[in-house]
PDB file of N, CA and C in Angstrom:
ATOM      1  N   PHE A   1      -1.106   0.452  11.096  1.00  0.00           N
ATOM      2  CA  PHE A   1      -1.460   1.143   9.871  1.00  0.00           C
ATOM      3  C   PHE A   1      -0.508   0.657   8.787  1.00  0.00           C
ATOM      4  N   LEU A   2      -1.018  -0.104   7.840  1.00  0.00           N
ATOM      5  CA  LEU A   2      -0.173  -0.626   6.768  1.00  0.00           C
ATOM      6  C   LEU A   2       0.035   0.427   5.696  1.00  0.00           C
ATOM      7  N   TRP A   3       1.248   0.475   5.208  1.00  0.00           N
ATOM      8  CA  TRP A   3       1.568   1.432   4.164  1.00  0.00           C
ATOM      9  C   TRP A   3       2.696   0.848   3.307  1.00  0.00           C
ATOM     10  N   ALA A   4       2.751   1.291   2.046  1.00  0.00           N
ATOM     11  CA  ALA A   4       3.875   0.938   1.170  1.00  0.00           C
ATOM     12  C   ALA A   4       4.067   2.096   0.215  1.00  0.00           C
ATOM     13  N   ASP A   5       5.296   2.286  -0.216  1.00  0.00           N
ATOM     14  CA  ASP A   5       5.639   3.327  -1.161  1.00  0.00           C
ATOM     15  C   ASP A   5       4.820   3.161  -2.444  1.00  0.00           C
ATOM     16  N   ALA A   6       4.369   4.301  -3.013  1.00  0.00           N
ATOM     17  CA  ALA A   6       3.529   4.266  -4.216  1.00  0.00           C
ATOM     18  C   ALA A   6       4.249   3.569  -5.389  1.00  0.00           C
ATOM     19  N   LYS A   7       5.539   3.768  -5.515  1.00  0.00           N
ATOM     20  CA  LYS A   7       6.284   3.117  -6.594  1.00  0.00           C
ATOM     21  C   LYS A   7       6.241   1.597  -6.458  1.00  0.00           C
ATOM     22  N   VAL A   8       6.396   1.151  -5.225  1.00  0.00           N
ATOM     23  CA  VAL A   8       6.381  -0.287  -4.952  1.00  0.00           C
ATOM     24  C   VAL A   8       4.986  -0.845  -5.206  1.00  0.00           C
ATOM     25  N   ARG A   9       3.964  -0.128  -4.740  1.00  0.00           N
ATOM     26  CA  ARG A   9       2.578  -0.589  -4.962  1.00  0.00           C
ATOM     27  C   ARG A   9       2.268  -0.645  -6.441  1.00  0.00           C
ATOM     28  N   ALA A  10       2.757   0.318  -7.215  1.00  0.00           N
ATOM     29  CA  ALA A  10       2.512   0.306  -8.657  1.00  0.00           C
ATOM     30  C   ALA A  10       3.196  -0.901  -9.312  1.00  0.00           C
ATOM     31  N   LEU A  11       4.414  -1.198  -8.893  1.00  0.00           N
ATOM     32  CA  LEU A  11       5.117  -2.392  -9.418  1.00  0.00           C
ATOM     33  C   LEU A  11       4.359  -3.673  -9.078  1.00  0.00           C
ATOM     34  N   ARG A  12       3.908  -3.753  -7.831  1.00  0.00           N
ATOM     35  CA  ARG A  12       3.159  -4.940  -7.402  1.00  0.00           C
ATOM     36  C   ARG A  12       1.883  -5.100  -8.222  1.00  0.00           C
ATOM     37  N   ARG A  13       1.192  -3.988  -8.430  1.00  0.00           N
ATOM     38  CA  ARG A  13      -0.063  -4.044  -9.206  1.00  0.00           C
ATOM     39  C   ARG A  13       0.200  -4.445 -10.649  1.00  0.00           C
ATOM     40  N   CYS A  14       1.276  -3.906 -11.238  1.00  0.00           N
ATOM     41  CA  CYS A  14       1.653  -4.281 -12.607  1.00  0.00           C
ATOM     42  C   CYS A  14       1.888  -5.792 -12.702  1.00  0.00           C
ATOM     43  N   GLU A  15       2.647  -6.322 -11.763  1.00  0.00           N
ATOM     44  CA  GLU A  15       2.926  -7.749 -11.751  1.00  0.00           C
ATOM     45  C   GLU A  15       1.649  -8.560 -11.608  1.00  0.00           C
ATOM     46  N   GLN A  16       0.759  -8.104 -10.753  1.00  0.00           N
ATOM     47  CA  GLN A  16      -0.517  -8.803 -10.555  1.00  0.00           C
ATOM     48  C   GLN A  16      -1.335  -8.837 -11.836  1.00  0.00           C
ATOM     49  N   ILE A  17      -1.383  -7.736 -12.524  1.00  0.00           N
ATOM     50  CA  ILE A  17      -2.139  -7.654 -13.792  1.00  0.00           C
ATOM     51  C   ILE A  17      -1.490  -8.533 -14.851  1.00  0.00           C
ATOM     52  N   LYS A  18      -0.170  -8.455 -14.961  1.00  0.00           N
ATOM     53  CA  LYS A  18       0.551  -9.263 -15.944  1.00  0.00           C
ATOM     54  C   LYS A  18       0.420 -10.755 -15.656  1.00  0.00           C
ATOM     55  N   ASN A  19       0.410 -11.126 -14.376  1.00  0.00           N
ATOM     56  CA  ASN A  19       0.244 -12.534 -14.016  1.00  0.00           C
ATOM     57  C   ASN A  19      -1.129 -13.062 -14.379  1.00  0.00           C
ATOM     58  N   ASN A  20      -2.076 -12.151 -14.586  1.00  0.00           N
ATOM     59  CA  ASN A  20      -3.412 -12.528 -15.015  1.00  0.00           C
ATOM     60  C   ASN A  20      -3.532 -12.476 -16.552  1.00  0.00           C
ATOM     61  N   GLY A  21      -2.375 -12.343 -17.234  1.00  0.00           N
ATOM     62  CA  GLY A  21      -2.349 -12.377 -18.685  1.00  0.00           C
ATOM     63  C   GLY A  21      -2.802 -11.109 -19.377  1.00  0.00           C
ATOM     64  N   LYS A  22      -2.804 -10.002 -18.654  1.00  0.00           N
ATOM     65  CA  LYS A  22      -3.237  -8.726 -19.245  1.00  0.00           C
ATOM     66  C   LYS A  22      -2.057  -7.775 -19.346  1.00  0.00           C
ATOM     67  N   LYS A  23      -2.232  -6.730 -20.163  1.00  0.00           N
ATOM     68  CA  LYS A  23      -1.189  -5.710 -20.301  1.00  0.00           C
ATOM     69  C   LYS A  23      -1.334  -4.713 -19.151  1.00  0.00           C
ATOM     70  N   ALA A  24      -0.198  -4.233 -18.670  1.00  0.00           N
ATOM     71  CA  ALA A  24      -0.191  -3.259 -17.584  1.00  0.00           C
ATOM     72  C   ALA A  24       0.807  -2.154 -17.925  1.00  0.00           C
ATOM     73  N   GLU A  25       0.410  -0.919 -17.699  1.00  0.00           N
ATOM     74  CA  GLU A  25       1.295   0.223 -17.939  1.00  0.00           C
ATOM     75  C   GLU A  25       1.677   0.839 -16.591  1.00  0.00           C
ATOM     76  N   TYR A  26       2.913   0.664 -16.200  1.00  0.00           N
ATOM     77  CA  TYR A  26       3.411   1.115 -14.906  1.00  0.00           C
ATOM     78  C   TYR A  26       3.098   2.585 -14.657  1.00  0.00           C
ATOM     79  N   ASN A  27       3.425   3.471 -15.601  1.00  0.00           N
ATOM     80  CA  ASN A  27       3.246   4.907 -15.371  1.00  0.00           C
ATOM     81  C   ASN A  27       1.800   5.259 -15.118  1.00  0.00           C
ATOM     82  N   LYS A  28       0.894   4.631 -15.836  1.00  0.00           N
ATOM     83  CA  LYS A  28      -0.544   4.894 -15.634  1.00  0.00           C
ATOM     84  C   LYS A  28      -0.976   4.422 -14.261  1.00  0.00           C
ATOM     85  N   ILE A  29      -0.550   3.234 -13.884  1.00  0.00           N
ATOM     86  CA  ILE A  29      -0.909   2.691 -12.562  1.00  0.00           C
ATOM     87  C   ILE A  29      -0.328   3.567 -11.465  1.00  0.00           C
ATOM     88  N   PHE A  30       0.910   3.997 -11.626  1.00  0.00           N
ATOM     89  CA  PHE A  30       1.543   4.868 -10.637  1.00  0.00           C
ATOM     90  C   PHE A  30       0.778   6.183 -10.471  1.00  0.00           C
ATOM     91  N   ARG A  31       0.382   6.775 -11.587  1.00  0.00           N
ATOM     92  CA  ARG A  31      -0.402   8.033 -11.523  1.00  0.00           C
ATOM     93  C   ARG A  31      -1.748   7.789 -10.815  1.00  0.00           C
ATOM     94  N   GLU A  32      -2.387   6.681 -11.112  1.00  0.00           N
ATOM     95  CA  GLU A  32      -3.682   6.379 -10.500  1.00  0.00           C
ATOM     96  C   GLU A  32      -3.547   6.174  -8.978  1.00  0.00           C
ATOM     97  N   ILE A  33      -2.512   5.491  -8.575  1.00  0.00           N
ATOM     98  CA  ILE A  33      -2.264   5.271  -7.145  1.00  0.00           C
ATOM     99  C   ILE A  33      -1.996   6.591  -6.435  1.00  0.00           C
ATOM    100  N   ASN A  34      -1.174   7.440  -7.046  1.00  0.00           N
ATOM    101  CA  ASN A  34      -0.894   8.750  -6.435  1.00  0.00           C
ATOM    102  C   ASN A  34      -2.136   9.603  -6.346  1.00  0.00           C
ATOM    103  N   ALA A  35      -2.970   9.583  -7.381  1.00  0.00           N
ATOM    104  CA  ALA A  35      -4.212  10.360  -7.377  1.00  0.00           C
ATOM    105  C   ALA A  35      -5.149   9.855  -6.276  1.00  0.00           C
ATOM    106  N   ARG A  36      -5.255   8.538  -6.163  1.00  0.00           N
ATOM    107  CA  ARG A  36      -6.139   7.956  -5.128  1.00  0.00           C
ATOM    108  C   ARG A  36      -5.599   8.281  -3.735  1.00  0.00           C
ATOM    109  N   ASP A  37      -4.283   8.165  -3.549  1.00  0.00           N
ATOM    110  CA  ASP A  37      -3.703   8.512  -2.244  1.00  0.00           C
ATOM    111  C   ASP A  37      -3.974   9.966  -1.877  1.00  0.00           C
ATOM    112  N   ARG A  38      -3.739  10.846  -2.836  1.00  0.00           N
ATOM    113  CA  ARG A  38      -3.959  12.281  -2.595  1.00  0.00           C
ATOM    114  C   ARG A  38      -5.420  12.541  -2.212  1.00  0.00           C
ATOM    115  N   LYS A  39      -6.337  11.906  -2.937  1.00  0.00           N
ATOM    116  CA  LYS A  39      -7.759  12.057  -2.652  1.00  0.00           C
ATOM    117  C   LYS A  39      -8.087  11.520  -1.261  1.00  0.00           C
ATOM    118  N   ASP A  40      -7.589  10.333  -0.944  1.00  0.00           N
ATOM    119  CA  ASP A  40      -7.873   9.715   0.361  1.00  0.00           C
ATOM    120  C   ASP A  40      -7.293  10.501   1.522  1.00  0.00           C
ATOM    121  N   LEU A  41      -6.101  11.041   1.330  1.00  0.00           N
ATOM    122  CA  LEU A  41      -5.426  11.761   2.409  1.00  0.00           C
ATOM    123  C   LEU A  41      -5.971  13.163   2.647  1.00  0.00           C
ATOM    124  N   THR A  42      -6.612  13.742   1.660  1.00  0.00           N
ATOM    125  CA  THR A  42      -7.053  15.134   1.774  1.00  0.00           C
ATOM    126  C   THR A  42      -8.570  15.328   1.831  1.00  0.00           C
ATOM    127  N   ARG A  43      -9.323  14.224   1.796  1.00  0.00           N
ATOM    128  CA  ARG A  43     -10.794  14.393   1.830  1.00  0.00           C
ATOM    129  C   ARG A  43     -11.196  15.003   3.178  1.00  0.00           C
ATOM    130  N   LYS A  44     -12.302  15.774   3.144  1.00  0.00           N
ATOM    131  CA  LYS A  44     -12.754  16.472   4.355  1.00  0.00           C
ATOM    132  C   LYS A  44     -13.332  15.512   5.378  1.00  0.00           C
ATOM    133  N   ILE A  45     -14.079  14.531   4.920  1.00  0.00           N
ATOM    134  CA  ILE A  45     -14.709  13.580   5.820  1.00  0.00           C
ATOM    135  C   ILE A  45     -13.857  12.313   5.879  1.00  0.00           C
ATOM    136  N   ALA A  46     -13.433  11.972   7.065  1.00  0.00           N
ATOM    137  CA  ALA A  46     -12.657  10.748   7.326  1.00  0.00           C
ATOM    138  C   ALA A  46     -11.432  10.605   6.424  1.00  0.00           C
ATOM    139  N   PRO A  47     -10.511  11.589   6.462  1.00  0.00           N
ATOM    140  CA  PRO A  47      -9.300  11.435   5.658  1.00  0.00           C
ATOM    141  C   PRO A  47      -8.478  10.234   6.153  1.00  0.00           C
ATOM    142  N   LEU A  48      -7.801   9.607   5.213  1.00  0.00           N
ATOM    143  CA  LEU A  48      -6.963   8.447   5.533  1.00  0.00           C
ATOM    144  C   LEU A  48      -5.731   8.922   6.287  1.00  0.00           C
ATOM    145  N   LYS A  49      -5.646   8.520   7.546  1.00  0.00           N
ATOM    146  CA  LYS A  49      -4.482   8.843   8.347  1.00  0.00           C
ATOM    147  C   LYS A  49      -4.426   7.849   9.512  1.00  0.00           C
ATOM    148  N   PRO A  50      -3.233   7.579  10.003  1.00  0.00           N
ATOM    149  CA  PRO A  50      -3.102   6.647  11.117  1.00  0.00           C
ATOM    150  C   PRO A  50      -3.708   7.257  12.391  1.00  0.00           C
ATOM    151  N   ALA A  51      -4.287   6.407  13.204  1.00  0.00           N
ATOM    152  CA  ALA A  51      -4.780   6.855  14.511  1.00  0.00           C
ATOM    153  C   ALA A  51      -3.587   7.239  15.371  1.00  0.00           C
ATOM    154  N   ALA A  52      -3.827   8.060  16.353  1.00  0.00           N
ATOM    155  CA  ALA A  52      -2.753   8.554  17.210  1.00  0.00           C
ATOM    156  C   ALA A  52      -1.979   7.419  17.893  1.00  0.00           C
ATOM    157  N   ASN A  53      -2.654   6.345  18.222  1.00  0.00           N
ATOM    158  CA  ASN A  53      -1.999   5.235  18.943  1.00  0.00           C
ATOM    159  C   ASN A  53      -1.657   4.062  18.030  1.00  0.00           C
ATOM    160  N   SER A  54      -1.691   4.280  16.715  1.00  0.00           N
ATOM    161  CA  SER A  54      -1.419   3.169  15.786  1.00  0.00           C
ATOM    162  C   SER A  54       0.074   2.942  15.610  1.00  0.00           C
ATOM    163  N   VAL A  55       0.380   1.790  15.068  1.00  0.00           N
ATOM    164  CA  VAL A  55       1.753   1.424  14.725  1.00  0.00           C
ATOM    165  C   VAL A  55       1.835   1.421  13.203  1.00  0.00           C
ATOM    166  N   LEU A  56       2.799   2.132  12.646  1.00  0.00           N
ATOM    167  CA  LEU A  56       2.993   2.175  11.215  1.00  0.00           C
ATOM    168  C   LEU A  56       3.849   1.002  10.780  1.00  0.00           C
ATOM    169  N   LEU A  57       3.312   0.222   9.818  1.00  0.00           N
ATOM    170  CA  LEU A  57       4.082  -0.887   9.257  1.00  0.00           C
ATOM    171  C   LEU A  57       4.283  -0.615   7.787  1.00  0.00           C
ATOM    172  N   ASP A  58       5.497  -0.264   7.420  1.00  0.00           N
ATOM    173  CA  ASP A  58       5.838  -0.018   6.016  1.00  0.00           C
ATOM    174  C   ASP A  58       6.146  -1.361   5.367  1.00  0.00           C
ATOM    175  N   THR A  59       5.322  -1.753   4.425  1.00  0.00           N
ATOM    176  CA  THR A  59       5.461  -3.050   3.771  1.00  0.00           C
ATOM    177  C   THR A  59       6.139  -2.927   2.405  1.00  0.00           C
ATOM    178  N   SER A  60       6.780  -1.801   2.160  1.00  0.00           N
ATOM    179  CA  SER A  60       7.398  -1.552   0.853  1.00  0.00           C
ATOM    180  C   SER A  60       8.373  -2.653   0.445  1.00  0.00           C
ATOM    181  N   TYR A  61       9.184  -3.104   1.346  1.00  0.00           N
ATOM    182  CA  TYR A  61      10.243  -4.009   0.976  1.00  0.00           C
ATOM    183  C   TYR A  61      10.192  -5.339   1.729  1.00  0.00           C
ATOM    184  N   ILE A  62       8.990  -5.727   2.118  1.00  0.00           N
ATOM    185  CA  ILE A  62       8.804  -7.040   2.728  1.00  0.00           C
ATOM    186  C   ILE A  62       7.690  -7.759   1.993  1.00  0.00           C
ATOM    187  N   ASP A  63       7.749  -9.084   2.024  1.00  0.00           N
ATOM    188  CA  ASP A  63       6.704  -9.848   1.352  1.00  0.00           C
ATOM    189  C   ASP A  63       5.530 -10.085   2.305  1.00  0.00           C
ATOM    190  N   ILE A  64       4.510 -10.759   1.817  1.00  0.00           N
ATOM    191  CA  ILE A  64       3.278 -10.913   2.597  1.00  0.00           C
ATOM    192  C   ILE A  64       3.528 -11.728   3.869  1.00  0.00           C
ATOM    193  N   GLU A  65       4.400 -12.735   3.812  1.00  0.00           N
ATOM    194  CA  GLU A  65       4.684 -13.546   4.997  1.00  0.00           C
ATOM    195  C   GLU A  65       5.408 -12.704   6.056  1.00  0.00           C
ATOM    196  N   GLN A  66       6.355 -11.892   5.604  1.00  0.00           N
ATOM    197  CA  GLN A  66       7.056 -11.009   6.543  1.00  0.00           C
ATOM    198  C   GLN A  66       6.118 -10.003   7.161  1.00  0.00           C
ATOM    199  N   ALA A  67       5.180  -9.479   6.371  1.00  0.00           N
ATOM    200  CA  ALA A  67       4.185  -8.526   6.883  1.00  0.00           C
ATOM    201  C   ALA A  67       3.302  -9.212   7.934  1.00  0.00           C
ATOM    202  N   PHE A  68       2.870 -10.420   7.634  1.00  0.00           N
ATOM    203  CA  PHE A  68       2.046 -11.179   8.577  1.00  0.00           C
ATOM    204  C   PHE A  68       2.799 -11.388   9.892  1.00  0.00           C
ATOM    205  N   ASN A  69       4.042 -11.781   9.805  1.00  0.00           N
ATOM    206  CA  ASN A  69       4.847 -12.023  11.007  1.00  0.00           C
ATOM    207  C   ASN A  69       5.050 -10.731  11.809  1.00  0.00           C
ATOM    208  N   ALA A  70       5.257  -9.610  11.104  1.00  0.00           N
ATOM    209  CA  ALA A  70       5.421  -8.329  11.793  1.00  0.00           C
ATOM    210  C   ALA A  70       4.129  -7.936  12.504  1.00  0.00           C
ATOM    211  N   ILE A  71       2.993  -8.158  11.847  1.00  0.00           N
ATOM    212  CA  ILE A  71       1.699  -7.845  12.471  1.00  0.00           C
ATOM    213  C   ILE A  71       1.492  -8.715  13.706  1.00  0.00           C
ATOM    214  N   ASN A  72       1.824  -9.995  13.575  1.00  0.00           N
ATOM    215  CA  ASN A  72       1.698 -10.911  14.728  1.00  0.00           C
ATOM    216  C   ASN A  72       2.525 -10.411  15.911  1.00  0.00           C
ATOM    217  N   LYS A  73       3.751  -9.979  15.663  1.00  0.00           N
ATOM    218  CA  LYS A  73       4.606  -9.471  16.742  1.00  0.00           C
ATOM    219  C   LYS A  73       3.980  -8.243  17.400  1.00  0.00           C
ATOM    220  N   ILE A  74       3.409  -7.366  16.575  1.00  0.00           N
ATOM    221  CA  ILE A  74       2.776  -6.154  17.115  1.00  0.00           C
ATOM    222  C   ILE A  74       1.593  -6.537  17.988  1.00  0.00           C
ATOM    223  N   ILE A  75       0.780  -7.460  17.516  1.00  0.00           N
ATOM    224  CA  ILE A  75      -0.413  -7.867  18.263  1.00  0.00           C
ATOM    225  C   ILE A  75      -0.059  -8.551  19.583  1.00  0.00           C
ATOM    226  N   LEU A  76       0.984  -9.380  19.533  1.00  0.00           N
ATOM    227  CA  LEU A  76       1.346 -10.151  20.711  1.00  0.00           C
ATOM    228  C   LEU A  76       2.149  -9.391  21.760  1.00  0.00           C
ATOM    229  N   LYS A  77       2.499  -8.146  21.466  1.00  0.00           N
ATOM    230  CA  LYS A  77       3.243  -7.324  22.439  1.00  0.00           C
ATOM    231  C   LYS A  77       2.436  -7.115  23.700  1.00  0.00           C
TER     232      LYS A  77
END
């Protein structure tokens, strides 16, 4: 189950938008991510939550290559 801190995800999204030559407002993006997370986690049908036997991988402070390598290690166990 991949996860990252909302602050980190907002920063990543801001950078992605800026790299595409557009303006990005961190606070707005952060609020939107939090609202979406709250909605996803609390919906009645199929709320977003890790399965009982899942492995949580926090990708907050690792890059995509490190995440890939961590997933590979989990799969190959």
